[in-house]
Amino acid sequence: MTQTTFSETYDYLIIGSGAAGSILANRLSASGEFSVCLLEAGPRDLHPFIHVPAGFIKMIFNPAYTWQFKTEPNPQTLDREIPVPQGRVMGGSTSINGLIHNRGQSEDFDHWAALGNPGWDYASVLPYFKRTENRITPTDGSYRGHQGLLAVTDTDWTHPISDAFINGAVGLGIPRNEDYNGQRQEGVGYFQRTIHKGRRVSAAQAFIRPARHRKNLHIKTSAQVTRILFDGKTAVGVEYALGKGRQVHSVGARREVILSAGAVNTPKLLQLSGVGDPELLRELNIPLVHELPGVGQHLKDHYSVRIVTRVKNSHTLNELARGPRLLGQIFNWVLRRPSILALSPSLAFVFWKTDEALAKADLQGVFTPASYKEGYVGMLDNYPGMTCGIWQHRPISSGHVRIHSKDPFASPIVQPNYLHDAQDRDALVKGIRLARRLLATRELSEYMDGEALPGDSVQSDEELLAFARRLGVSSYHLNGTAKMGPAVDPMAVVDSELRAHGLEHLRIVDSSVMPEIPSANICAATLMIAEKASDLILQVNK
């Protein structure tokens, strides 16, 4: 196919309006010089629960606004199918995620560069982290941005139990850290979040909303891209299915097709388009456009486990989210007063070590004065409770994303291979023990009313690992399935400028390009990747 067959042609086609796609749509259309078409498979972000932060729990499993992916059975997690939903709406996962703003450690990005990706060291990417954000609280300008479009705030709703948790961690020797996105990550404190004036600040709200009326920016929602079109080795456009009727349309790209569909849909779309492992494509009778065996490989995620205790002598979110107390919280939210409706699911953080000999933290802990029923995410317990979740920063276990059908509307195989590496299992058990210590401090003792999950009978390493296998869940931090690396790396999919190896006019910009998982929730790093990519793209086309 060639460009002349398209009824519509733009300079840039961006596939996906999530964290990366939203920034790219804004930056590439800013000058007015280039025409940009943004294609989003889901609807506009009009649902009110998207904008109320507490609505996260109502949206994350709503199939109208999310891709309801599940992992393949894995013996290390008792062959369970674990939900790994991803956003399918304007703003992508930033419209349905947990709202935490967490960059990761500087060493994460220095490691990216050391793997053969020049320009991705921490000193080089720090300006892009800063350019994205509007840190509302005055902080050190050496590390934080105050002029960006993405509001990053501190929690304005505190709870005595959260304060006691933080004080207890300090008592254990973990330093208080007022800015884990600054000079150092290690410590304990309250999370920063993308909430402002009681409302979610998604990538769509921050970056697309101020740009959507530009004449050179064309946004198509409910437009699921089904195939990238090539002329030889050059990407020239895409096919997409529009609306519920799935009427097929095609649109061309004069300069570049930019794939920002996320760590599951990006490799899926490449494979459907004939780019990937030749053996897989041959099995499915998909014509090979270009051999890139790394497509869909190197999938990583944070596998998390939560410890729950019953609470005495205080109300928790479990009670505040019901009955007359909830009405009071709604009233406060309407008046823009502190309210549980304007909270992220996790309030306090702990970044610490499985071994004191380690130079840097290798665990992330999250705390909230609330608890969910066993086996459920989103259903509060009927008793007062508090929760400390834990996960390993940089798991070694990795997996894959792989299509099993030529049907573009079929979900692919998603297999993260959680806990396959013995070091991951060891780190998680040590993390669970740390979480227990954090919940058993003197400062929390007046609120502690016994461990509900996993319970006092679970004590040995083997029992704790069995508990983790049975009830651990995804942190929804999927990445790495089109990883960045030099051409000498047979599993690398893109180069350090995010151009697909061996192809022309195709760039990948999302969490799939991460060469290694960062020691953080991945949204902030994905935003940074898109900021840097926008400069790389515009420099080429000056």
Protein backbone atom coordinates (compact mmCIF):
# COMPACT_ATOMS: atom_id res chain seq x y z
CA MET A 1 0.00 0.00 0.00
CA THR A 2 1.19 3.57 -0.69
CA GLN A 3 0.21 6.95 0.69
CA THR A 4 -1.82 7.85 -2.40
CA THR A 5 -4.56 5.37 -1.47
CA PHE A 6 -5.53 7.20 1.76
CA SER A 7 -8.51 9.50 1.95
CA GLU A 8 -6.97 11.18 4.98
CA THR A 9 -3.28 11.81 5.55
CA TYR A 10 -1.52 13.60 8.40
CA ASP A 11 2.08 14.30 9.24
CA TYR A 12 1.94 12.19 12.40
CA LEU A 13 -0.34 9.37 13.48
CA ILE A 14 -0.33 8.63 17.21
CA ILE A 15 -1.87 5.32 18.28
CA GLY A 16 -3.16 5.55 21.85
CA SER A 17 -3.99 8.53 24.06
CA GLY A 18 -2.47 7.33 27.33
CA ALA A 19 0.39 8.89 29.28
CA ALA A 20 2.67 8.95 26.24
CA GLY A 21 0.15 9.62 23.48
CA SER A 22 -1.37 12.59 25.29
CA ILE A 23 1.97 14.35 25.66
CA LEU A 24 2.93 13.61 22.06
CA ALA A 25 -0.37 14.98 20.76
CA ASN A 26 0.24 18.20 22.68
CA ARG A 27 3.91 18.70 21.83
CA LEU A 28 3.79 17.71 18.16
CA SER A 29 0.81 19.96 17.44
CA ALA A 30 2.04 22.93 19.49
CA SER A 31 3.76 24.83 16.69
CA GLY A 32 0.86 24.48 14.27
CA GLU A 33 3.36 23.40 11.62
CA PHE A 34 2.45 19.71 11.59
CA SER A 35 -0.88 17.93 11.31
CA VAL A 36 -1.42 15.31 14.01
CA CYS A 37 -4.04 12.57 14.24
CA LEU A 38 -4.58 10.90 17.61
CA LEU A 39 -6.39 7.55 17.53
CA GLU A 40 -7.91 6.20 20.75
CA ALA A 41 -9.69 2.84 20.90
CA GLY A 42 -11.87 3.89 23.82
CA PRO A 43 -14.40 6.67 24.39
CA ARG A 44 -13.92 10.22 25.61
CA ASP A 45 -13.21 10.64 29.32
CA LEU A 46 -16.68 11.91 30.21
CA HIS A 47 -17.64 9.44 32.93
CA PRO A 48 -17.80 11.33 36.26
CA PHE A 49 -16.04 8.52 38.16
CA ILE A 50 -12.92 9.16 36.05
CA HIS A 51 -12.56 12.63 37.52
CA VAL A 52 -13.40 11.80 41.12
CA PRO A 53 -10.19 10.16 42.42
CA ALA A 54 -12.06 7.62 44.57
CA GLY A 55 -13.90 6.58 41.40
CA PHE A 56 -10.77 4.59 40.51
CA ILE A 57 -12.29 1.59 42.22
CA LYS A 58 -15.43 1.81 40.03
CA MET A 59 -13.54 2.27 36.76
CA ILE A 60 -10.61 -0.12 36.81
CA PHE A 61 -12.76 -3.19 36.12
CA ASN A 62 -15.31 -1.46 33.89
CA PRO A 63 -14.92 -3.03 30.42
CA ALA A 64 -16.36 0.05 28.72
CA TYR A 65 -13.26 2.00 29.77
CA THR A 66 -10.58 -0.64 30.27
CA TRP A 67 -8.96 -3.54 28.47
CA GLN A 68 -9.82 -6.44 30.76
CA PHE A 69 -6.62 -8.40 30.21
CA LYS A 70 -5.74 -11.37 32.42
CA THR A 71 -2.49 -13.25 32.81
CA GLU A 72 -2.07 -16.79 31.62
CA PRO A 73 -1.98 -19.49 34.32
CA ASN A 74 1.41 -19.72 36.02
CA PRO A 75 2.35 -22.53 38.44
CA GLN A 76 4.25 -20.07 40.62
CA THR A 77 0.97 -18.26 41.33
CA LEU A 78 -1.16 -21.41 41.56
CA ASP A 79 -2.33 -21.23 37.95
CA ARG A 80 -4.57 -18.25 38.67
CA GLU A 81 -5.64 -15.82 35.94
CA ILE A 82 -4.61 -12.50 37.48
CA PRO A 83 -6.36 -9.33 36.22
CA VAL A 84 -4.06 -6.80 34.52
CA PRO A 85 -6.54 -4.15 33.30
CA GLN A 86 -5.28 -1.25 31.19
CA GLY A 87 -6.99 2.03 30.34
CA ARG A 88 -9.16 2.13 27.22
CA VAL A 89 -10.35 5.74 27.26
CA MET A 90 -8.96 9.20 26.58
CA GLY A 91 -5.98 9.44 28.90
CA GLY A 92 -5.45 5.68 28.85
CA SER A 93 -4.43 4.24 32.19
CA THR A 94 -3.89 7.73 33.62
CA SER A 95 -7.69 8.03 33.63
CA ILE A 96 -8.18 4.90 35.76
CA ASN A 97 -4.94 4.41 37.70
CA GLY A 98 -4.02 4.94 41.37
CA LEU A 99 -2.82 8.53 40.81
CA ILE A 100 0.63 8.06 42.39
CA HIS A 101 3.49 10.18 41.01
CA ASN A 102 6.71 8.23 41.48
CA ARG A 103 9.74 8.64 39.23
CA GLY A 104 12.05 5.91 40.50
CA GLN A 105 15.70 5.96 41.49
CA SER A 106 18.32 7.83 39.50
CA GLU A 107 20.23 4.55 39.13
CA ASP A 108 17.33 3.10 37.12
CA PHE A 109 18.01 5.49 34.26
CA ASP A 110 21.78 5.33 34.53
CA HIS A 111 21.32 1.58 34.05
CA TRP A 112 19.20 2.18 30.95
CA ALA A 113 22.06 4.18 29.46
CA ALA A 114 24.63 1.56 30.49
CA LEU A 115 22.66 -1.04 28.52
CA GLY A 116 23.56 0.81 25.32
CA ASN A 117 21.01 3.63 25.26
CA PRO A 118 22.86 6.96 25.18
CA GLY A 119 20.88 9.95 26.37
CA TRP A 120 18.77 7.99 28.87
CA ASP A 121 20.96 8.45 31.95
CA TYR A 122 19.40 10.29 34.88
CA ALA A 123 21.14 13.61 34.19
CA SER A 124 19.78 13.54 30.63
CA VAL A 125 16.19 12.59 31.49
CA LEU A 126 15.78 14.77 34.61
CA PRO A 127 14.87 17.87 32.53
CA TYR A 128 12.02 15.90 30.96
CA PHE A 129 10.68 14.79 34.33
CA LYS A 130 10.75 18.44 35.38
CA ARG A 131 9.15 19.72 32.15
CA THR A 132 6.07 17.57 32.65
CA GLU A 133 5.16 18.56 36.17
CA ASN A 134 3.71 21.46 38.06
CA ARG A 135 4.79 20.61 41.59
CA ILE A 136 2.33 22.65 43.61
CA THR A 137 4.38 22.56 46.82
CA PRO A 138 7.52 24.76 46.73
CA THR A 139 10.53 22.42 46.42
CA ASP A 140 14.11 22.31 45.23
CA GLY A 141 14.09 23.41 41.60
CA SER A 142 17.16 21.29 40.97
CA TYR A 143 14.93 18.22 40.91
CA ARG A 144 11.33 19.38 40.56
CA GLY A 145 9.38 21.24 37.90
CA HIS A 146 6.90 24.01 38.63
CA GLN A 147 5.88 25.16 35.14
CA GLY A 148 4.53 21.95 33.62
CA LEU A 149 0.95 21.00 32.80
CA LEU A 150 0.67 18.01 35.16
CA ALA A 151 -0.29 19.08 38.68
CA VAL A 152 1.50 17.06 41.37
CA THR A 153 0.24 17.65 44.91
CA ASP A 154 0.59 16.44 48.47
CA THR A 155 -2.31 14.80 50.25
CA ASP A 156 -4.55 17.27 52.08
CA TRP A 157 -6.40 14.53 54.01
CA THR A 158 -4.49 12.83 56.80
CA HIS A 159 -5.42 10.23 59.38
CA PRO A 160 -3.97 9.46 62.82
CA ILE A 161 -3.30 5.88 61.76
CA SER A 162 -1.28 7.02 58.73
CA ASP A 163 0.72 9.38 60.93
CA ALA A 164 1.35 6.53 63.37
CA PHE A 165 2.48 4.27 60.54
CA ILE A 166 5.02 6.85 59.36
CA ASN A 167 6.25 7.54 62.89
CA GLY A 168 6.56 3.82 63.53
CA ALA A 169 8.69 3.35 60.41
CA VAL A 170 10.96 6.17 61.57
CA GLY A 171 11.24 4.36 64.88
CA LEU A 172 12.51 1.31 63.00
CA GLY A 173 15.32 3.39 61.51
CA ILE A 174 13.72 4.30 58.18
CA PRO A 175 14.28 8.03 57.60
CA ARG A 176 11.41 10.39 56.91
CA ASN A 177 11.56 11.66 53.33
CA GLU A 178 9.58 14.73 52.31
CA ASP A 179 10.37 14.31 48.60
CA TYR A 180 11.07 10.82 47.29
CA ASN A 181 11.10 12.29 43.76
CA GLY A 182 13.97 14.56 44.70
CA GLN A 183 17.57 13.78 45.54
CA ARG A 184 16.91 10.39 47.13
CA GLN A 185 14.09 7.88 47.20
CA GLU A 186 14.69 5.91 50.40
CA GLY A 187 12.48 6.65 53.37
CA VAL A 188 8.89 6.97 54.50
CA GLY A 189 6.24 9.64 54.12
CA TYR A 190 3.11 10.62 52.24
CA PHE A 191 2.74 9.97 48.53
CA GLN A 192 2.61 12.71 45.92
CA ARG A 193 -0.30 12.32 43.55
CA THR A 194 -1.85 13.72 40.37
CA ILE A 195 -4.88 15.22 42.09
CA HIS A 196 -5.65 18.93 42.14
CA LYS A 197 -8.60 20.71 43.72
CA GLY A 198 -10.19 17.35 44.45
CA ARG A 199 -10.08 16.06 40.86
CA ARG A 200 -7.95 13.57 38.95
CA VAL A 201 -5.35 15.14 36.68
CA SER A 202 -5.06 12.57 33.93
CA ALA A 203 -2.75 12.94 30.94
CA ALA A 204 -5.83 13.75 28.87
CA GLN A 205 -6.83 16.56 31.20
CA ALA A 206 -3.29 17.90 31.52
CA PHE A 207 -2.13 17.66 27.91
CA ILE A 208 -4.99 17.02 25.49
CA ARG A 209 -7.57 19.36 26.99
CA PRO A 210 -5.51 22.54 26.41
CA ALA A 211 -4.63 21.39 22.87
CA ARG A 212 -7.85 19.84 21.62
CA HIS A 213 -9.11 22.96 19.80
CA ARG A 214 -5.96 23.32 17.71
CA LYS A 215 -6.88 23.10 14.06
CA ASN A 216 -3.96 20.82 13.30
CA LEU A 217 -4.85 18.26 15.99
CA HIS A 218 -7.44 15.69 14.95
CA ILE A 219 -8.73 13.31 17.63
CA LYS A 220 -10.62 10.14 16.80
CA THR A 221 -12.14 8.21 19.71
CA SER A 222 -13.69 4.71 19.60
CA ALA A 223 -11.17 4.12 16.82
CA GLN A 224 -9.29 0.87 17.45
CA VAL A 225 -6.23 0.50 15.26
CA THR A 226 -6.15 -3.02 13.85
CA ARG A 227 -3.04 -2.92 11.66
CA ILE A 228 -0.06 -0.77 10.77
CA LEU A 229 0.32 -0.46 7.02
CA PHE A 230 3.73 -0.69 5.37
CA ASP A 231 5.17 0.09 1.95
CA GLY A 232 8.11 -2.29 2.05
CA LYS A 233 9.83 -1.49 5.34
CA THR A 234 8.27 1.95 5.69
CA ALA A 235 5.23 2.59 7.87
CA VAL A 236 2.81 4.68 5.84
CA GLY A 237 -0.47 4.51 7.76
CA VAL A 238 -2.89 2.41 9.77
CA GLU A 239 -6.22 0.69 9.51
CA TYR A 240 -8.73 1.25 12.31
CA ALA A 241 -12.20 0.05 13.20
CA LEU A 242 -14.60 2.82 14.13
CA GLY A 243 -17.31 2.56 16.76
CA LYS A 244 -19.50 -0.37 17.67
CA GLY A 245 -20.06 -1.22 14.01
CA ARG A 246 -16.30 -1.66 13.54
CA GLN A 247 -16.36 -0.07 10.11
CA VAL A 248 -12.81 -0.24 8.74
CA HIS A 249 -11.06 2.99 7.77
CA SER A 250 -7.49 3.77 6.81
CA VAL A 251 -5.42 6.88 7.37
CA GLY A 252 -1.96 7.80 6.17
CA ALA A 253 1.15 9.29 7.78
CA ARG A 254 3.49 11.54 5.81
CA ARG A 255 6.23 11.59 8.45
CA GLU A 256 5.77 8.96 11.17
CA VAL A 257 3.47 6.41 12.73
CA ILE A 258 3.95 6.58 16.50
CA LEU A 259 2.83 3.57 18.48
CA SER A 260 1.81 4.47 22.06
CA ALA A 261 -0.67 1.70 22.82
CA GLY A 262 0.95 0.33 25.98
CA ALA A 263 2.92 -2.76 26.96
CA VAL A 264 0.17 -5.18 25.88
CA ASN A 265 -1.40 -3.57 22.83
CA THR A 266 1.84 -2.27 21.32
CA PRO A 267 3.37 -5.74 20.78
CA LYS A 268 -0.04 -7.12 19.85
CA LEU A 269 -0.42 -4.53 17.08
CA LEU A 270 3.12 -5.07 15.83
CA GLN A 271 2.54 -8.80 15.58
CA LEU A 272 -0.80 -8.34 13.82
CA SER A 273 1.03 -6.08 11.35
CA GLY A 274 3.72 -8.63 10.50
CA VAL A 275 6.48 -7.35 12.78
CA GLY A 276 7.90 -9.78 15.34
CA ASP A 277 9.02 -13.38 15.70
CA PRO A 278 8.81 -15.03 12.26
CA GLU A 279 7.87 -18.40 13.75
CA LEU A 280 4.86 -16.95 15.58
CA LEU A 281 3.72 -15.05 12.49
CA ARG A 282 4.12 -18.15 10.32
CA GLU A 283 1.99 -20.20 12.73
CA LEU A 284 -0.80 -17.61 12.40
CA ASN A 285 -0.38 -17.18 8.63
CA ILE A 286 0.51 -13.49 9.00
CA PRO A 287 2.82 -12.23 6.21
CA LEU A 288 6.20 -11.21 7.60
CA VAL A 289 7.02 -7.55 7.14
CA HIS A 290 10.08 -7.46 9.36
CA GLU A 291 11.76 -9.87 11.76
CA LEU A 292 12.04 -8.49 15.31
CA PRO A 293 12.03 -11.45 17.70
CA GLY A 294 12.03 -9.19 20.77
CA VAL A 295 8.51 -7.94 20.08
CA GLY A 296 6.37 -9.06 23.02
CA GLN A 297 9.32 -10.42 25.01
CA HIS A 298 10.80 -9.09 28.28
CA LEU A 299 7.40 -8.35 29.88
CA LYS A 300 7.84 -7.24 33.50
CA ASP A 301 5.50 -6.11 36.26
CA HIS A 302 5.50 -5.56 40.01
CA TYR A 303 3.84 -8.47 41.83
CA SER A 304 2.38 -7.17 45.08
CA VAL A 305 1.12 -8.72 48.30
CA ARG A 306 -0.88 -6.97 51.02
CA ILE A 307 -0.89 -7.51 54.77
CA VAL A 308 -4.16 -6.56 56.49
CA THR A 309 -4.80 -5.92 60.17
CA ARG A 310 -7.96 -5.15 62.05
CA VAL A 311 -8.17 -1.73 63.67
CA LYS A 312 -9.47 -0.59 67.06
CA ASN A 313 -9.93 2.84 68.63
CA SER A 314 -10.46 4.59 65.29
CA HIS A 315 -12.61 4.83 62.21
CA THR A 316 -10.98 3.83 58.92
CA LEU A 317 -11.95 4.38 55.31
CA ASN A 318 -13.97 1.17 55.55
CA GLU A 319 -16.51 3.01 57.73
CA LEU A 320 -16.09 6.48 56.24
CA ALA A 321 -17.05 5.15 52.79
CA ARG A 322 -20.50 3.99 53.97
CA GLY A 323 -23.79 5.46 55.11
CA PRO A 324 -24.10 8.94 56.62
CA ARG A 325 -20.32 9.30 56.95
CA LEU A 326 -19.99 8.95 53.18
CA LEU A 327 -22.59 11.68 52.65
CA GLY A 328 -20.42 13.97 54.75
CA GLN A 329 -17.38 13.12 52.65
CA ILE A 330 -19.31 13.85 49.45
CA PHE A 331 -20.38 17.20 50.89
CA ASN A 332 -16.75 18.04 51.69
CA TRP A 333 -15.65 17.08 48.20
CA VAL A 334 -18.26 19.28 46.56
CA LEU A 335 -17.01 22.20 48.64
CA ARG A 336 -13.39 21.29 47.78
CA ARG A 337 -12.58 20.49 51.36
CA PRO A 338 -10.36 17.51 52.28
CA SER A 339 -12.35 14.36 51.56
CA ILE A 340 -11.79 10.65 51.07
CA LEU A 341 -13.22 11.11 47.57
CA ALA A 342 -10.06 13.02 46.66
CA LEU A 343 -7.56 10.40 47.81
CA SER A 344 -5.22 8.07 45.99
CA PRO A 345 -5.74 4.41 47.00
CA SER A 346 -2.39 4.46 48.84
CA LEU A 347 -1.55 7.31 51.20
CA ALA A 348 1.89 6.57 52.65
CA PHE A 349 5.01 5.07 51.11
CA VAL A 350 8.01 3.13 52.32
CA PHE A 351 11.06 2.62 50.13
CA TRP A 352 13.45 0.31 51.92
CA LYS A 353 15.77 -2.69 51.75
CA THR A 354 15.56 -6.43 52.12
CA ASP A 355 19.15 -6.31 53.37
CA GLU A 356 20.84 -3.47 55.22
CA ALA A 357 23.99 -4.12 53.17
CA LEU A 358 22.24 -2.95 50.00
CA ALA A 359 23.17 0.51 48.75
CA LYS A 360 19.62 1.34 47.64
CA ALA A 361 16.08 0.32 48.45
CA ASP A 362 14.84 -2.76 46.64
CA LEU A 363 11.29 -2.72 48.01
CA GLN A 364 8.28 -0.43 47.78
CA GLY A 365 5.63 -0.46 50.47
CA VAL A 366 2.25 1.26 50.36
CA PHE A 367 -0.04 1.98 53.29
CA THR A 368 -3.63 3.05 53.72
CA PRO A 369 -6.07 3.12 56.67
CA ALA A 370 -8.44 0.83 54.78
CA SER A 371 -8.65 -2.82 53.78
CA TYR A 372 -10.22 -4.90 51.05
CA LYS A 373 -11.90 -8.25 51.37
CA GLU A 374 -9.71 -11.27 50.78
CA GLY A 375 -9.36 -12.05 47.11
CA TYR A 376 -10.94 -8.77 45.97
CA VAL A 377 -9.64 -5.41 44.84
CA GLY A 378 -12.21 -2.71 45.45
CA MET A 379 -14.52 -4.27 48.03
CA LEU A 380 -13.92 -2.78 51.47
CA ASP A 381 -13.99 -5.01 54.53
CA ASN A 382 -16.95 -4.79 56.89
CA TYR A 383 -14.64 -4.21 59.86
CA PRO A 384 -12.16 -1.35 60.52
CA GLY A 385 -8.87 -2.24 58.84
CA MET A 386 -5.52 -1.02 57.58
CA THR A 387 -3.26 -2.39 54.86
CA CYS A 388 0.43 -2.45 54.03
CA GLY A 389 1.19 -3.69 50.53
CA ILE A 390 4.69 -4.60 49.38
CA TRP A 391 6.50 -5.40 46.16
CA GLN A 392 10.01 -5.86 44.85
CA HIS A 393 11.45 -2.90 42.92
CA ARG A 394 13.23 -4.75 40.14
CA PRO A 395 12.00 -8.31 39.63
CA ILE A 396 14.19 -10.61 37.56
CA SER A 397 11.31 -12.77 36.31
CA SER A 398 10.04 -11.76 32.89
CA GLY A 399 7.49 -13.03 30.43
CA HIS A 400 5.81 -12.21 27.16
CA VAL A 401 2.82 -10.86 25.26
CA ARG A 402 1.83 -12.94 22.26
CA ILE A 403 -1.15 -12.98 19.93
CA HIS A 404 -2.83 -16.34 19.38
CA SER A 405 -5.17 -15.23 16.61
CA LYS A 406 -5.30 -12.94 13.59
CA ASP A 407 -8.44 -11.43 15.10
CA PRO A 408 -7.49 -7.85 16.12
CA PHE A 409 -10.26 -7.82 18.73
CA ALA A 410 -9.03 -10.92 20.57
CA SER A 411 -7.02 -10.41 23.73
CA PRO A 412 -3.43 -11.62 23.45
CA ILE A 413 -1.66 -14.03 25.76
CA VAL A 414 -0.19 -12.07 28.69
CA GLN A 415 2.32 -14.04 30.76
CA PRO A 416 4.51 -12.06 33.19
CA ASN A 417 5.90 -15.24 34.82
CA TYR A 418 5.58 -13.80 38.30
CA LEU A 419 7.94 -15.36 40.89
CA HIS A 420 9.72 -17.63 38.44
CA ASP A 421 13.11 -16.48 39.68
CA ALA A 422 14.15 -17.65 43.15
CA GLN A 423 15.59 -14.21 43.98
CA ASP A 424 12.16 -12.67 43.41
CA ARG A 425 10.56 -15.16 45.75
CA ASP A 426 13.16 -14.50 48.42
CA ALA A 427 12.80 -10.71 48.13
CA LEU A 428 9.01 -10.88 48.39
CA VAL A 429 9.09 -13.03 51.52
CA LYS A 430 11.53 -10.57 53.11
CA GLY A 431 9.21 -7.75 52.03
CA ILE A 432 6.26 -9.39 53.74
CA ARG A 433 8.29 -9.65 56.94
CA LEU A 434 9.14 -5.96 56.66
CA ALA A 435 5.45 -5.10 56.19
CA ARG A 436 4.63 -7.05 59.34
CA ARG A 437 7.29 -5.15 61.28
CA LEU A 438 5.86 -1.85 60.04
CA LEU A 439 2.39 -2.83 61.24
CA ALA A 440 3.63 -4.03 64.62
CA THR A 441 5.40 -0.87 65.79
CA ARG A 442 4.79 0.71 69.19
CA GLU A 443 3.31 3.77 67.45
CA LEU A 444 0.59 1.67 65.79
CA SER A 445 -0.09 -0.54 68.81
CA GLU A 446 -3.09 1.47 70.06
CA TYR A 447 -4.81 0.81 66.71
CA MET A 448 -3.65 -2.75 66.04
CA ASP A 449 -6.36 -5.34 66.70
CA GLY A 450 -4.77 -8.45 65.24
CA GLU A 451 -3.61 -9.55 61.80
CA ALA A 452 -6.42 -10.55 59.48
CA LEU A 453 -4.33 -11.46 56.42
CA PRO A 454 -2.44 -13.77 56.24
CA GLY A 455 -2.99 -14.32 59.98
CA ASP A 456 -0.73 -15.17 62.91
CA SER A 457 -0.60 -18.87 62.03
CA VAL A 458 1.43 -18.06 58.89
CA GLN A 459 5.04 -17.69 60.03
CA SER A 460 7.63 -19.72 58.13
CA ASP A 461 9.19 -18.61 54.85
CA GLU A 462 7.39 -21.45 53.10
CA GLU A 463 4.03 -20.40 54.55
CA LEU A 464 4.59 -16.75 53.62
CA LEU A 465 5.54 -17.71 50.07
CA ALA A 466 2.44 -19.89 49.81
CA PHE A 467 0.37 -16.90 50.93
CA ALA A 468 2.05 -14.71 48.30
CA ARG A 469 1.40 -17.29 45.60
CA ARG A 470 -2.28 -17.54 46.58
CA LEU A 471 -3.24 -13.88 46.92
CA GLY A 472 -0.57 -11.76 45.21
CA VAL A 473 -1.76 -9.46 42.45
CA SER A 474 -0.46 -7.27 39.66
CA SER A 475 0.48 -3.68 40.41
CA TYR A 476 -0.55 -2.88 36.80
CA HIS A 477 2.99 -1.70 35.97
CA LEU A 478 3.42 -3.65 32.71
CA ASN A 479 6.44 -2.69 30.62
CA GLY A 480 9.37 -3.81 28.49
CA THR A 481 7.68 -5.63 25.58
CA ALA A 482 9.36 -3.53 22.85
CA LYS A 483 12.50 -2.73 24.76
CA MET A 484 15.07 -0.13 23.84
CA GLY A 485 18.57 -1.29 22.99
CA PRO A 486 21.33 -1.27 20.38
CA ALA A 487 20.99 -3.30 17.21
CA VAL A 488 23.52 -5.84 18.50
CA ASP A 489 20.96 -6.89 21.12
CA PRO A 490 18.77 -9.45 19.30
CA MET A 491 15.86 -8.75 21.67
CA ALA A 492 15.93 -4.96 21.26
CA VAL A 493 12.97 -3.56 19.33
CA VAL A 494 13.78 0.17 19.23
CA ASP A 495 17.00 2.18 19.28
CA SER A 496 17.84 4.99 21.69
CA GLU A 497 15.72 7.39 19.62
CA LEU A 498 12.78 4.96 19.90
CA ARG A 499 12.81 4.10 16.19
CA ALA A 500 11.91 0.51 15.38
CA HIS A 501 15.03 -1.37 14.31
CA GLY A 502 15.07 -2.07 10.58
CA LEU A 503 11.92 -0.10 9.80
CA GLU A 504 11.33 3.44 8.59
CA HIS A 505 8.89 6.03 9.95
CA LEU A 506 7.81 3.85 12.86
CA ARG A 507 8.53 4.95 16.40
CA ILE A 508 7.38 3.37 19.67
CA VAL A 509 6.77 5.64 22.63
CA ASP A 510 5.27 4.09 25.77
CA SER A 511 6.20 1.83 28.69
CA SER A 512 6.96 -1.05 26.34
CA VAL A 513 10.31 0.55 25.40
CA MET A 514 11.66 0.45 28.97
CA PRO A 515 14.80 -1.70 28.86
CA GLU A 516 14.41 -2.53 32.55
CA ILE A 517 11.59 -2.00 35.01
CA PRO A 518 12.09 1.14 37.13
CA SER A 519 11.95 1.11 40.92
CA ALA A 520 8.61 2.87 40.87
CA ASN A 521 5.07 3.01 39.56
CA ILE A 522 5.68 3.47 35.84
CA CYS A 523 3.42 6.40 34.91
CA ALA A 524 5.92 9.19 35.66
CA ALA A 525 8.67 7.45 33.69
CA THR A 526 6.30 6.94 30.75
CA LEU A 527 5.48 10.64 30.75
CA MET A 528 9.21 11.39 30.74
CA ILE A 529 9.77 9.02 27.81
CA ALA A 530 7.13 10.88 25.80
CA GLU A 531 8.58 14.29 26.63
CA LYS A 532 12.00 13.19 25.42
CA ALA A 533 10.50 11.48 22.36
CA SER A 534 8.71 14.66 21.33
CA ASP A 535 12.06 16.45 21.20
CA LEU A 536 13.66 13.60 19.25
CA ILE A 537 10.84 13.66 16.71
CA LEU A 538 10.76 17.43 16.28
CA GLN A 539 14.55 17.66 15.95
CA VAL A 540 14.45 15.24 13.01
CA ASN A 541 11.74 17.23 11.28
CA LYS A 542 12.98 20.79 11.79
